[in-house]
Amino acid sequence: MLKKERAIKAVEGLEKLYPDAICSLEYSDAFQLLIATRLSAQCTDKRVNMVTPDLFKEFPTAEKMAEAKLSRVEELIKTCGLYKTKAKDLIGIAKSLMENYGGIVPDMIEELTTLPGVGRKTANLVVGDIYKKPAVVTDTHFIRICNRLGLVNSTNPLIVEKEMRKLLPPDKSNDFCHRTVLFGRDICTARTAFCEKCPLSEICPKRLKKK
């Protein structure tokens, strides 16, 4: 089976398993998703969702965040880990948005990645979820699963993103990324692949080798 055919089968299989492909971070607009995603680095979405309500209550917009005191932001996000670096980035992101984009979150990956602490993973998430453009969010679950399915042979996020853009239908790519996160938590986990209950077992090279 060609890689493109396998990718489409994977898309269809995860669509059936997880009809609702949604981001697990809680937010109300582009700015809040951007901030929440920056906070999620080396931190669980569950923890971020516990922190952001108070953070967004005080600093709901780029304008408000740009005026925030560093010590206050640090205090609010301390439990997210790496909080000193993240606090600087949050304020830096807000200031850059105010100075360069009129407080509006841009819709281009190239522009988003000029913001402090914003990499391609975060940029793709914002572009896909907010602006509904084709996006490939290369989080650890996505990278692991694409490798296990034989769709890529790399753990380099940029290489994986470029290769998967060639294989995934553009209108399905963003939702597929969300579904792989759920799949990677439930079935194809980092520690154990529960192949016996996997809906993708018939297209998985690792599973097929076991037969």
N, C-alpha and C. Protein backbone atom coordinates (compact mmCIF):
# COMPACT_ATOMS: atom_id res chain seq x y z
N MET A 1 0.85 -1.20 0.00
CA MET A 1 0.00 0.00 0.00
C MET A 1 0.88 1.25 0.00
N LEU A 2 0.56 2.20 -0.88
CA LEU A 2 1.31 3.44 -0.94
C LEU A 2 1.08 4.26 0.33
N LYS A 3 2.05 5.12 0.66
CA LYS A 3 1.94 5.93 1.87
C LYS A 3 0.69 6.82 1.84
N LYS A 4 0.40 7.38 0.66
CA LYS A 4 -0.77 8.27 0.56
C LYS A 4 -2.06 7.49 0.83
N GLU A 5 -2.14 6.29 0.32
CA GLU A 5 -3.31 5.45 0.56
C GLU A 5 -3.43 5.11 2.04
N ARG A 6 -2.29 4.80 2.66
CA ARG A 6 -2.30 4.47 4.08
C ARG A 6 -2.71 5.68 4.91
N ALA A 7 -2.25 6.86 4.51
CA ALA A 7 -2.60 8.09 5.24
C ALA A 7 -4.10 8.33 5.17
N ILE A 8 -4.69 8.15 4.00
CA ILE A 8 -6.13 8.36 3.84
C ILE A 8 -6.91 7.33 4.66
N LYS A 9 -6.44 6.09 4.70
CA LYS A 9 -7.08 5.07 5.53
C LYS A 9 -7.00 5.45 7.02
N ALA A 10 -5.87 6.01 7.41
CA ALA A 10 -5.69 6.44 8.80
C ALA A 10 -6.65 7.58 9.13
N VAL A 11 -6.79 8.51 8.22
CA VAL A 11 -7.73 9.62 8.41
C VAL A 11 -9.14 9.09 8.59
N GLU A 12 -9.54 8.16 7.73
CA GLU A 12 -10.90 7.61 7.79
C GLU A 12 -11.12 6.82 9.08
N GLY A 13 -10.11 6.05 9.49
CA GLY A 13 -10.24 5.25 10.69
C GLY A 13 -10.38 6.09 11.95
N LEU A 14 -9.60 7.15 12.04
CA LEU A 14 -9.68 8.00 13.23
C LEU A 14 -10.92 8.89 13.21
N GLU A 15 -11.43 9.21 12.03
CA GLU A 15 -12.69 9.95 11.94
C GLU A 15 -13.82 9.16 12.58
N LYS A 16 -13.84 7.86 12.31
CA LYS A 16 -14.89 7.00 12.88
C LYS A 16 -14.72 6.86 14.39
N LEU A 17 -13.48 6.75 14.83
CA LEU A 17 -13.20 6.54 16.25
C LEU A 17 -13.45 7.80 17.06
N TYR A 18 -13.08 8.95 16.49
CA TYR A 18 -13.22 10.24 17.19
C TYR A 18 -13.94 11.25 16.28
N PRO A 19 -15.25 11.17 16.21
CA PRO A 19 -16.00 12.08 15.32
C PRO A 19 -15.77 13.55 15.63
N ASP A 20 -15.63 13.86 16.91
CA ASP A 20 -15.43 15.26 17.31
C ASP A 20 -13.94 15.53 17.48
N ALA A 21 -13.36 16.18 16.49
CA ALA A 21 -11.93 16.49 16.54
C ALA A 21 -11.77 17.91 17.09
N ILE A 22 -11.51 18.00 18.38
CA ILE A 22 -11.39 19.32 18.99
C ILE A 22 -10.10 19.42 19.79
N CYS A 23 -9.62 20.63 19.89
CA CYS A 23 -8.44 20.90 20.71
C CYS A 23 -8.82 20.79 22.18
N SER A 24 -7.96 20.18 22.98
CA SER A 24 -8.29 20.01 24.40
C SER A 24 -7.98 21.25 25.23
N LEU A 25 -7.31 22.23 24.64
CA LEU A 25 -7.09 23.50 25.34
C LEU A 25 -8.37 24.33 25.30
N GLU A 26 -8.63 25.05 26.38
CA GLU A 26 -9.84 25.87 26.46
C GLU A 26 -9.49 27.33 26.20
N TYR A 27 -10.25 27.94 25.29
CA TYR A 27 -9.97 29.33 24.89
C TYR A 27 -11.23 29.93 24.27
N SER A 28 -11.22 31.24 24.10
CA SER A 28 -12.39 31.89 23.49
C SER A 28 -12.05 32.65 22.21
N ASP A 29 -10.77 32.84 21.93
CA ASP A 29 -10.39 33.55 20.71
C ASP A 29 -8.95 33.22 20.33
N ALA A 30 -8.49 33.81 19.25
CA ALA A 30 -7.16 33.50 18.72
C ALA A 30 -6.05 33.83 19.72
N PHE A 31 -6.16 34.96 20.37
CA PHE A 31 -5.13 35.36 21.34
C PHE A 31 -5.04 34.35 22.48
N GLN A 32 -6.17 33.94 23.00
CA GLN A 32 -6.17 33.01 24.12
C GLN A 32 -5.64 31.64 23.71
N LEU A 33 -5.95 31.18 22.50
CA LEU A 33 -5.39 29.92 22.04
C LEU A 33 -3.88 30.01 21.89
N LEU A 34 -3.42 31.12 21.36
CA LEU A 34 -1.98 31.34 21.20
C LEU A 34 -1.27 31.28 22.55
N ILE A 35 -1.82 31.95 23.53
CA ILE A 35 -1.23 31.99 24.87
C ILE A 35 -1.29 30.60 25.53
N ALA A 36 -2.44 29.96 25.44
CA ALA A 36 -2.61 28.64 26.05
C ALA A 36 -1.65 27.62 25.43
N THR A 37 -1.45 27.71 24.13
CA THR A 37 -0.55 26.77 23.47
C THR A 37 0.89 27.01 23.88
N ARG A 38 1.27 28.26 24.04
CA ARG A 38 2.63 28.54 24.53
C ARG A 38 2.82 27.97 25.94
N LEU A 39 1.80 28.07 26.76
CA LEU A 39 1.87 27.53 28.12
C LEU A 39 1.96 26.01 28.13
N SER A 40 1.45 25.37 27.10
CA SER A 40 1.35 23.91 27.09
C SER A 40 2.68 23.20 26.83
N ALA A 41 3.71 23.96 26.47
CA ALA A 41 5.02 23.35 26.24
C ALA A 41 5.52 22.67 27.52
N GLN A 42 5.83 21.37 27.41
CA GLN A 42 6.29 20.58 28.55
C GLN A 42 5.33 20.68 29.74
N CYS A 43 4.04 20.73 29.42
CA CYS A 43 3.01 20.82 30.45
C CYS A 43 1.74 20.20 29.87
N THR A 44 0.93 19.59 30.70
CA THR A 44 -0.29 18.96 30.20
C THR A 44 -1.36 20.01 29.90
N ASP A 45 -2.22 19.68 28.94
CA ASP A 45 -3.34 20.56 28.62
C ASP A 45 -4.25 20.73 29.83
N LYS A 46 -4.38 19.66 30.59
CA LYS A 46 -5.23 19.71 31.79
C LYS A 46 -4.72 20.77 32.76
N ARG A 47 -3.43 20.81 32.97
CA ARG A 47 -2.85 21.81 33.86
C ARG A 47 -3.02 23.22 33.30
N VAL A 48 -2.80 23.38 32.00
CA VAL A 48 -2.97 24.69 31.37
C VAL A 48 -4.40 25.19 31.56
N ASN A 49 -5.36 24.29 31.38
CA ASN A 49 -6.77 24.67 31.53
C ASN A 49 -7.13 25.05 32.96
N MET A 50 -6.31 24.63 33.91
CA MET A 50 -6.53 25.03 35.29
C MET A 50 -5.97 26.43 35.55
N VAL A 51 -4.98 26.80 34.78
CA VAL A 51 -4.28 28.08 34.98
C VAL A 51 -4.91 29.23 34.20
N THR A 52 -5.35 28.95 32.97
CA THR A 52 -5.77 30.04 32.08
C THR A 52 -7.02 30.83 32.52
N PRO A 53 -7.99 30.24 33.23
CA PRO A 53 -9.14 31.06 33.62
C PRO A 53 -8.75 32.31 34.42
N ASP A 54 -7.88 32.17 35.41
CA ASP A 54 -7.45 33.33 36.19
C ASP A 54 -6.57 34.25 35.36
N LEU A 55 -5.72 33.65 34.53
CA LEU A 55 -4.84 34.46 33.68
C LEU A 55 -5.64 35.31 32.72
N PHE A 56 -6.62 34.71 32.05
CA PHE A 56 -7.42 35.44 31.07
C PHE A 56 -8.43 36.38 31.72
N LYS A 57 -8.75 36.13 32.97
CA LYS A 57 -9.63 37.05 33.68
C LYS A 57 -8.94 38.39 33.87
N GLU A 58 -7.65 38.36 34.17
CA GLU A 58 -6.88 39.59 34.35
C GLU A 58 -6.35 40.15 33.04
N PHE A 59 -5.96 39.24 32.14
CA PHE A 59 -5.32 39.67 30.89
C PHE A 59 -5.98 38.98 29.70
N PRO A 60 -7.21 39.38 29.37
CA PRO A 60 -7.97 38.69 28.32
C PRO A 60 -7.55 39.03 26.89
N THR A 61 -6.81 40.11 26.72
CA THR A 61 -6.45 40.57 25.38
C THR A 61 -4.95 40.87 25.30
N ALA A 62 -4.48 41.01 24.07
CA ALA A 62 -3.07 41.38 23.86
C ALA A 62 -2.78 42.73 24.50
N GLU A 63 -3.71 43.65 24.40
CA GLU A 63 -3.52 44.98 24.97
C GLU A 63 -3.30 44.90 26.48
N LYS A 64 -4.09 44.11 27.16
CA LYS A 64 -3.97 43.97 28.61
C LYS A 64 -2.69 43.23 28.99
N MET A 65 -2.40 42.14 28.25
CA MET A 65 -1.21 41.35 28.55
C MET A 65 0.07 42.14 28.32
N ALA A 66 0.07 43.01 27.32
CA ALA A 66 1.25 43.81 27.02
C ALA A 66 1.61 44.76 28.16
N GLU A 67 0.62 45.10 28.96
CA GLU A 67 0.83 46.03 30.08
C GLU A 67 1.06 45.31 31.41
N ALA A 68 1.05 43.99 31.37
CA ALA A 68 1.15 43.20 32.60
C ALA A 68 2.53 43.29 33.23
N LYS A 69 2.57 43.18 34.54
CA LYS A 69 3.84 43.09 35.26
C LYS A 69 4.33 41.65 35.18
N LEU A 70 5.60 41.49 34.92
CA LEU A 70 6.18 40.17 34.77
C LEU A 70 5.94 39.31 36.02
N SER A 71 6.11 39.88 37.17
CA SER A 71 5.95 39.13 38.42
C SER A 71 4.53 38.59 38.58
N ARG A 72 3.56 39.36 38.12
CA ARG A 72 2.16 38.92 38.25
C ARG A 72 1.87 37.76 37.29
N VAL A 73 2.38 37.84 36.07
CA VAL A 73 2.17 36.75 35.13
C VAL A 73 2.87 35.49 35.63
N GLU A 74 4.08 35.64 36.16
CA GLU A 74 4.80 34.50 36.72
C GLU A 74 3.99 33.83 37.83
N GLU A 75 3.39 34.65 38.67
CA GLU A 75 2.60 34.13 39.78
C GLU A 75 1.41 33.32 39.28
N LEU A 76 0.76 33.81 38.24
CA LEU A 76 -0.45 33.18 37.73
C LEU A 76 -0.16 31.87 37.00
N ILE A 77 1.01 31.75 36.39
CA ILE A 77 1.30 30.56 35.56
C ILE A 77 2.35 29.64 36.19
N LYS A 78 2.68 29.88 37.44
CA LYS A 78 3.80 29.18 38.07
C LYS A 78 3.69 27.67 38.00
N THR A 79 2.51 27.13 38.10
CA THR A 79 2.35 25.67 38.12
C THR A 79 2.50 25.03 36.75
N CYS A 80 2.67 25.84 35.71
CA CYS A 80 2.82 25.29 34.36
C CYS A 80 4.24 24.82 34.06
N GLY A 81 5.19 25.17 34.92
CA GLY A 81 6.57 24.80 34.65
C GLY A 81 7.23 25.77 33.70
N LEU A 82 8.55 25.94 33.86
CA LEU A 82 9.30 26.90 33.03
C LEU A 82 8.61 28.26 33.03
N TYR A 83 8.01 28.60 34.15
CA TYR A 83 7.12 29.76 34.20
C TYR A 83 7.83 31.09 33.98
N LYS A 84 9.09 31.19 34.34
CA LYS A 84 9.80 32.46 34.13
C LYS A 84 9.99 32.75 32.65
N THR A 85 10.42 31.74 31.92
CA THR A 85 10.58 31.90 30.47
C THR A 85 9.24 32.14 29.80
N LYS A 86 8.24 31.36 30.20
CA LYS A 86 6.92 31.49 29.59
C LYS A 86 6.30 32.85 29.87
N ALA A 87 6.47 33.36 31.08
CA ALA A 87 5.90 34.67 31.42
C ALA A 87 6.50 35.76 30.54
N LYS A 88 7.81 35.70 30.33
CA LYS A 88 8.46 36.68 29.45
C LYS A 88 7.91 36.58 28.03
N ASP A 89 7.73 35.33 27.58
CA ASP A 89 7.21 35.13 26.23
C ASP A 89 5.77 35.64 26.09
N LEU A 90 4.94 35.40 27.09
CA LEU A 90 3.54 35.84 27.00
C LEU A 90 3.46 37.35 26.85
N ILE A 91 4.23 38.04 27.66
CA ILE A 91 4.22 39.51 27.57
C ILE A 91 4.85 39.95 26.25
N GLY A 92 5.92 39.25 25.85
CA GLY A 92 6.57 39.58 24.57
C GLY A 92 5.65 39.35 23.38
N ILE A 93 4.90 38.27 23.42
CA ILE A 93 3.92 37.99 22.35
C ILE A 93 2.90 39.13 22.27
N ALA A 94 2.38 39.51 23.42
CA ALA A 94 1.36 40.56 23.46
C ALA A 94 1.91 41.89 22.95
N LYS A 95 3.11 42.23 23.37
CA LYS A 95 3.71 43.49 22.91
C LYS A 95 3.95 43.47 21.41
N SER A 96 4.43 42.35 20.90
CA SER A 96 4.67 42.24 19.46
C SER A 96 3.38 42.33 18.67
N LEU A 97 2.32 41.70 19.19
CA LEU A 97 1.03 41.79 18.51
C LEU A 97 0.53 43.23 18.48
N MET A 98 0.70 43.95 19.57
CA MET A 98 0.25 45.35 19.63
C MET A 98 1.08 46.24 18.71
N GLU A 99 2.39 46.02 18.71
CA GLU A 99 3.29 46.88 17.94
C GLU A 99 3.25 46.61 16.44
N ASN A 100 3.08 45.33 16.08
CA ASN A 100 3.22 44.96 14.67
C ASN A 100 1.93 44.54 13.97
N TYR A 101 0.91 44.17 14.75
CA TYR A 101 -0.30 43.64 14.13
C TYR A 101 -1.59 44.26 14.68
N GLY A 102 -1.46 45.37 15.35
CA GLY A 102 -2.65 46.05 15.87
C GLY A 102 -3.43 45.21 16.87
N GLY A 103 -2.73 44.32 17.55
CA GLY A 103 -3.38 43.48 18.55
C GLY A 103 -4.08 42.25 17.99
N ILE A 104 -4.00 42.07 16.67
CA ILE A 104 -4.66 40.94 16.01
C ILE A 104 -3.66 39.82 15.78
N VAL A 105 -4.05 38.60 16.08
CA VAL A 105 -3.19 37.44 15.84
C VAL A 105 -3.14 37.17 14.34
N PRO A 106 -1.96 37.17 13.74
CA PRO A 106 -1.86 36.95 12.29
C PRO A 106 -2.27 35.54 11.91
N ASP A 107 -2.58 35.36 10.62
CA ASP A 107 -3.06 34.06 10.15
C ASP A 107 -2.05 33.33 9.28
N MET A 108 -0.79 33.76 9.33
CA MET A 108 0.27 33.13 8.55
C MET A 108 1.32 32.53 9.48
N ILE A 109 1.73 31.31 9.19
CA ILE A 109 2.73 30.63 10.01
C ILE A 109 4.02 31.45 10.07
N GLU A 110 4.41 32.02 8.93
CA GLU A 110 5.66 32.78 8.88
C GLU A 110 5.62 33.98 9.80
N GLU A 111 4.46 34.60 9.95
CA GLU A 111 4.33 35.76 10.84
C GLU A 111 4.22 35.31 12.29
N LEU A 112 3.48 34.26 12.54
CA LEU A 112 3.30 33.78 13.90
C LEU A 112 4.62 33.34 14.52
N THR A 113 5.50 32.74 13.72
CA THR A 113 6.76 32.24 14.26
C THR A 113 7.78 33.35 14.52
N THR A 114 7.43 34.59 14.23
CA THR A 114 8.30 35.71 14.62
C THR A 114 8.01 36.15 16.06
N LEU A 115 6.91 35.66 16.62
CA LEU A 115 6.54 36.04 17.99
C LEU A 115 7.39 35.27 19.00
N PRO A 116 7.70 35.86 20.14
CA PRO A 116 8.55 35.22 21.14
C PRO A 116 8.01 33.85 21.59
N GLY A 117 8.85 32.84 21.49
CA GLY A 117 8.49 31.52 21.99
C GLY A 117 7.50 30.75 21.14
N VAL A 118 7.14 31.28 19.99
CA VAL A 118 6.15 30.61 19.13
C VAL A 118 6.85 29.84 18.02
N GLY A 119 6.71 28.52 18.05
CA GLY A 119 7.28 27.68 17.01
C GLY A 119 6.23 27.25 16.01
N ARG A 120 6.61 26.38 15.11
CA ARG A 120 5.69 25.97 14.04
C ARG A 120 4.52 25.15 14.57
N LYS A 121 4.74 24.38 15.64
CA LYS A 121 3.63 23.60 16.19
C LYS A 121 2.52 24.52 16.67
N THR A 122 2.88 25.53 17.43
CA THR A 122 1.89 26.50 17.92
C THR A 122 1.26 27.25 16.77
N ALA A 123 2.09 27.69 15.83
CA ALA A 123 1.59 28.45 14.69
C ALA A 123 0.60 27.65 13.87
N ASN A 124 0.91 26.37 13.63
CA ASN A 124 0.00 25.51 12.88
C ASN A 124 -1.33 25.33 13.60
N LEU A 125 -1.27 25.20 14.91
CA LEU A 125 -2.51 25.03 15.67
C LEU A 125 -3.41 26.24 15.54
N VAL A 126 -2.84 27.42 15.65
CA VAL A 126 -3.62 28.65 15.53
C VAL A 126 -4.17 28.81 14.11
N VAL A 127 -3.33 28.58 13.13
CA VAL A 127 -3.75 28.72 11.74
C VAL A 127 -4.87 27.73 11.40
N GLY A 128 -4.75 26.52 11.91
CA GLY A 128 -5.75 25.50 11.62
C GLY A 128 -7.05 25.69 12.37
N ASP A 129 -6.95 25.89 13.69
CA ASP A 129 -8.15 25.96 14.52
C ASP A 129 -8.89 27.28 14.40
N ILE A 130 -8.16 28.36 14.30
CA ILE A 130 -8.79 29.68 14.25
C ILE A 130 -9.13 30.10 12.82
N TYR A 131 -8.18 29.95 11.92
CA TYR A 131 -8.37 30.46 10.56
C TYR A 131 -8.75 29.39 9.55
N LYS A 132 -8.89 28.14 10.02
CA LYS A 132 -9.38 27.04 9.20
C LYS A 132 -8.57 26.82 7.93
N LYS A 133 -7.27 27.03 8.03
CA LYS A 133 -6.37 26.76 6.92
C LYS A 133 -5.73 25.38 7.14
N PRO A 134 -5.29 24.74 6.06
CA PRO A 134 -4.62 23.45 6.23
C PRO A 134 -3.44 23.58 7.19
N ALA A 135 -3.35 22.67 8.15
CA ALA A 135 -2.30 22.76 9.15
C ALA A 135 -1.88 21.36 9.59
N VAL A 136 -0.63 21.24 10.00
CA VAL A 136 -0.10 19.97 10.52
C VAL A 136 0.61 20.27 11.83
N VAL A 137 -0.02 19.89 12.92
CA VAL A 137 0.50 20.16 14.26
C VAL A 137 1.33 18.96 14.71
N THR A 138 2.63 19.11 14.71
CA THR A 138 3.52 17.97 14.98
C THR A 138 3.85 17.86 16.47
N ASP A 139 2.87 17.46 17.25
CA ASP A 139 3.14 17.20 18.66
C ASP A 139 3.71 15.78 18.79
N THR A 140 4.08 15.40 20.01
CA THR A 140 4.75 14.12 20.20
C THR A 140 3.88 12.93 19.80
N HIS A 141 2.57 13.00 20.06
CA HIS A 141 1.67 11.91 19.67
C HIS A 141 1.64 11.76 18.15
N PHE A 142 1.50 12.87 17.47
CA PHE A 142 1.41 12.87 16.01
C PHE A 142 2.68 12.27 15.40
N ILE A 143 3.83 12.72 15.88
CA ILE A 143 5.11 12.23 15.36
C ILE A 143 5.25 10.73 15.60
N ARG A 144 4.93 10.28 16.80
CA ARG A 144 5.05 8.87 17.13
C ARG A 144 4.15 8.01 16.25
N ILE A 145 2.91 8.41 16.09
CA ILE A 145 1.93 7.61 15.35
C ILE A 145 2.24 7.59 13.86
N CYS A 146 2.65 8.71 13.33
CA CYS A 146 3.01 8.75 11.89
C CYS A 146 4.20 7.85 11.61
N ASN A 147 5.13 7.76 12.57
CA ASN A 147 6.26 6.85 12.41
C ASN A 147 5.81 5.40 12.52
N ARG A 148 4.97 5.10 13.49
CA ARG A 148 4.51 3.73 13.68
C ARG A 148 3.70 3.24 12.48
N LEU A 149 2.99 4.14 11.85
CA LEU A 149 2.20 3.77 10.67
C LEU A 149 3.04 3.70 9.41
N GLY A 150 4.32 4.03 9.53
CA GLY A 150 5.19 3.97 8.37
C GLY A 150 4.99 5.11 7.38
N LEU A 151 4.38 6.18 7.84
CA LEU A 151 4.13 7.33 6.96
C LEU A 151 5.36 8.23 6.88
N VAL A 152 6.16 8.25 7.93
CA VAL A 152 7.40 9.02 7.97
C VAL A 152 8.46 8.18 8.66
N ASN A 153 9.68 8.61 8.52
CA ASN A 153 10.79 7.94 9.20
C ASN A 153 11.71 8.99 9.80
N SER A 154 11.13 9.80 10.67
CA SER A 154 11.89 10.89 11.30
C SER A 154 11.15 11.36 12.54
N THR A 155 11.91 11.84 13.51
CA THR A 155 11.30 12.47 14.69
C THR A 155 11.52 13.97 14.67
N ASN A 156 12.06 14.48 13.58
CA ASN A 156 12.26 15.92 13.42
C ASN A 156 10.92 16.56 13.06
N PRO A 157 10.40 17.44 13.92
CA PRO A 157 9.06 18.01 13.68
C PRO A 157 8.89 18.67 12.31
N LEU A 158 9.90 19.39 11.85
CA LEU A 158 9.77 20.08 10.56
C LEU A 158 9.72 19.08 9.41
N ILE A 159 10.55 18.05 9.47
CA ILE A 159 10.54 17.02 8.43
C ILE A 159 9.20 16.30 8.42
N VAL A 160 8.71 15.95 9.60
CA VAL A 160 7.42 15.26 9.71
C VAL A 160 6.30 16.13 9.16
N GLU A 161 6.32 17.42 9.52
CA GLU A 161 5.30 18.33 9.00
C GLU A 161 5.31 18.38 7.48
N LYS A 162 6.47 18.54 6.89
CA LYS A 162 6.58 18.65 5.43
C LYS A 162 6.13 17.37 4.73
N GLU A 163 6.53 16.22 5.29
CA GLU A 163 6.16 14.94 4.68
C GLU A 163 4.66 14.69 4.79
N MET A 164 4.09 15.00 5.94
CA MET A 164 2.66 14.75 6.14
C MET A 164 1.79 15.71 5.36
N ARG A 165 2.28 16.89 5.08
CA ARG A 165 1.52 17.81 4.22
C ARG A 165 1.34 17.22 2.82
N LYS A 166 2.30 16.42 2.39
CA LYS A 166 2.22 15.78 1.08
C LYS A 166 1.21 14.64 1.08
N LEU A 167 1.01 14.02 2.24
CA LEU A 167 0.20 12.81 2.31
C LEU A 167 -1.25 13.04 2.72
N LEU A 168 -1.48 14.05 3.55
CA LEU A 168 -2.83 14.26 4.10
C LEU A 168 -3.68 15.16 3.19
N PRO A 169 -4.96 14.85 3.05
CA PRO A 169 -5.85 15.78 2.34
C PRO A 169 -5.86 17.11 3.10
N PRO A 170 -5.63 18.25 2.44
CA PRO A 170 -5.53 19.53 3.13
C PRO A 170 -6.71 19.84 4.04
N ASP A 171 -7.92 19.48 3.60
CA ASP A 171 -9.10 19.79 4.39
C ASP A 171 -9.29 18.85 5.58
N LYS A 172 -8.45 17.82 5.67
CA LYS A 172 -8.56 16.84 6.76
C LYS A 172 -7.38 16.92 7.73
N SER A 173 -6.33 17.62 7.34
CA SER A 173 -5.07 17.54 8.08
C SER A 173 -5.17 18.04 9.51
N ASN A 174 -5.82 19.17 9.72
CA ASN A 174 -5.87 19.74 11.07
C ASN A 174 -6.65 18.83 12.03
N ASP A 175 -7.80 18.35 11.58
CA ASP A 175 -8.60 17.47 12.42
C ASP A 175 -7.88 16.14 12.68
N PHE A 176 -7.15 15.66 11.70
CA PHE A 176 -6.38 14.42 11.87
C PHE A 176 -5.36 14.59 12.99
N CYS A 177 -4.73 15.75 13.06
CA CYS A 177 -3.75 16.01 14.12
C CYS A 177 -4.42 15.94 15.49
N HIS A 178 -5.59 16.54 15.65
CA HIS A 178 -6.31 16.47 16.92
C HIS A 178 -6.67 15.02 17.26
N ARG A 179 -7.08 14.27 16.25
CA ARG A 179 -7.48 12.89 16.50
C ARG A 179 -6.29 12.01 16.89
N THR A 180 -5.11 12.30 16.34
CA THR A 180 -3.94 11.51 16.72
C THR A 180 -3.56 11.75 18.18
N VAL A 181 -3.84 12.92 18.69
CA VAL A 181 -3.57 13.19 20.11
C VAL A 181 -4.45 12.29 20.97
N LEU A 182 -5.73 12.24 20.65
CA LEU A 182 -6.65 11.38 21.40
C LEU A 182 -6.26 9.91 21.25
N PHE A 183 -5.94 9.52 20.04
CA PHE A 183 -5.53 8.14 19.73
C PHE A 183 -4.24 7.78 20.47
N GLY A 184 -3.32 8.74 20.52
CA GLY A 184 -2.05 8.51 21.19
C GLY A 184 -2.16 8.42 22.70
N ARG A 185 -3.20 9.01 23.24
CA ARG A 185 -3.44 8.91 24.68
C ARG A 185 -4.20 7.64 25.03
N ASP A 186 -5.10 7.23 24.14
CA ASP A 186 -6.00 6.11 24.44
C ASP A 186 -5.46 4.74 24.04
N ILE A 187 -4.92 4.66 22.84
CA ILE A 187 -4.62 3.36 22.25
C ILE A 187 -3.15 3.18 21.87
N CYS A 188 -2.64 4.07 21.05
CA CYS A 188 -1.25 3.95 20.58
C CYS A 188 -0.35 4.81 21.47
N THR A 189 -0.23 4.42 22.71
CA THR A 189 0.48 5.25 23.69
C THR A 189 1.99 5.12 23.53
N ALA A 190 2.71 6.02 24.16
CA ALA A 190 4.17 6.00 24.06
C ALA A 190 4.74 4.73 24.67
N ARG A 191 4.15 4.28 25.75
CA ARG A 191 4.66 3.10 26.45
C ARG A 191 4.20 1.80 25.81
N THR A 192 2.92 1.74 25.43
CA THR A 192 2.36 0.50 24.90
C THR A 192 1.39 0.79 23.76
N ALA A 193 1.51 0.03 22.70
CA ALA A 193 0.54 0.11 21.60
C ALA A 193 -0.48 -1.02 21.79
N PHE A 194 -1.72 -0.65 22.06
CA PHE A 194 -2.76 -1.66 22.28
C PHE A 194 -3.34 -2.09 20.94
N CYS A 195 -2.55 -2.88 20.22
CA CYS A 195 -2.89 -3.24 18.85
C CYS A 195 -4.19 -4.03 18.73
N GLU A 196 -4.52 -4.78 19.78
CA GLU A 196 -5.71 -5.63 19.72
C GLU A 196 -7.00 -4.82 19.61
N LYS A 197 -6.98 -3.55 20.03
CA LYS A 197 -8.19 -2.72 19.91
C LYS A 197 -7.98 -1.52 19.00
N CYS A 198 -6.97 -1.61 18.16
CA CYS A 198 -6.64 -0.49 17.27
C CYS A 198 -7.41 -0.57 15.95
N PRO A 199 -8.11 0.49 15.57
CA PRO A 199 -8.86 0.49 14.32
C PRO A 199 -7.96 0.63 13.09
N LEU A 200 -6.67 0.87 13.32
CA LEU A 200 -5.73 1.04 12.20
C LEU A 200 -4.80 -0.15 12.05
N SER A 201 -5.08 -1.24 12.75
CA SER A 201 -4.17 -2.38 12.75
C SER A 201 -3.96 -2.98 11.36
N GLU A 202 -4.97 -2.90 10.51
CA GLU A 202 -4.86 -3.50 9.17
C GLU A 202 -3.96 -2.71 8.23
N ILE A 203 -3.59 -1.51 8.61
CA ILE A 203 -2.70 -0.72 7.75
C ILE A 203 -1.38 -0.40 8.44
N CYS A 204 -1.20 -0.92 9.64
CA CYS A 204 -0.01 -0.60 10.43
C CYS A 204 1.10 -1.60 10.14
N PRO A 205 2.23 -1.16 9.63
CA PRO A 205 3.34 -2.07 9.32
C PRO A 205 3.82 -2.85 10.53
N LYS A 206 3.86 -2.23 11.69
CA LYS A 206 4.32 -2.92 12.90
C LYS A 206 3.35 -4.04 13.29
N ARG A 207 2.08 -3.76 13.18
CA ARG A 207 1.07 -4.77 13.50
C ARG A 207 1.11 -5.91 12.49
N LEU A 208 1.27 -5.59 11.21
CA LEU A 208 1.28 -6.59 10.16
C LEU A 208 2.48 -7.52 10.30
N LYS A 209 3.60 -7.01 10.81
CA LYS A 209 4.80 -7.84 10.97
C LYS A 209 4.59 -8.90 12.04
N LYS A 210 3.69 -8.60 12.99
CA LYS A 210 3.44 -9.54 14.10
C LYS A 210 2.58 -10.72 13.65
N LYS A 211 1.87 -10.56 12.54
CA LYS A 211 0.95 -11.62 12.10
C LYS A 211 1.68 -12.80 11.45
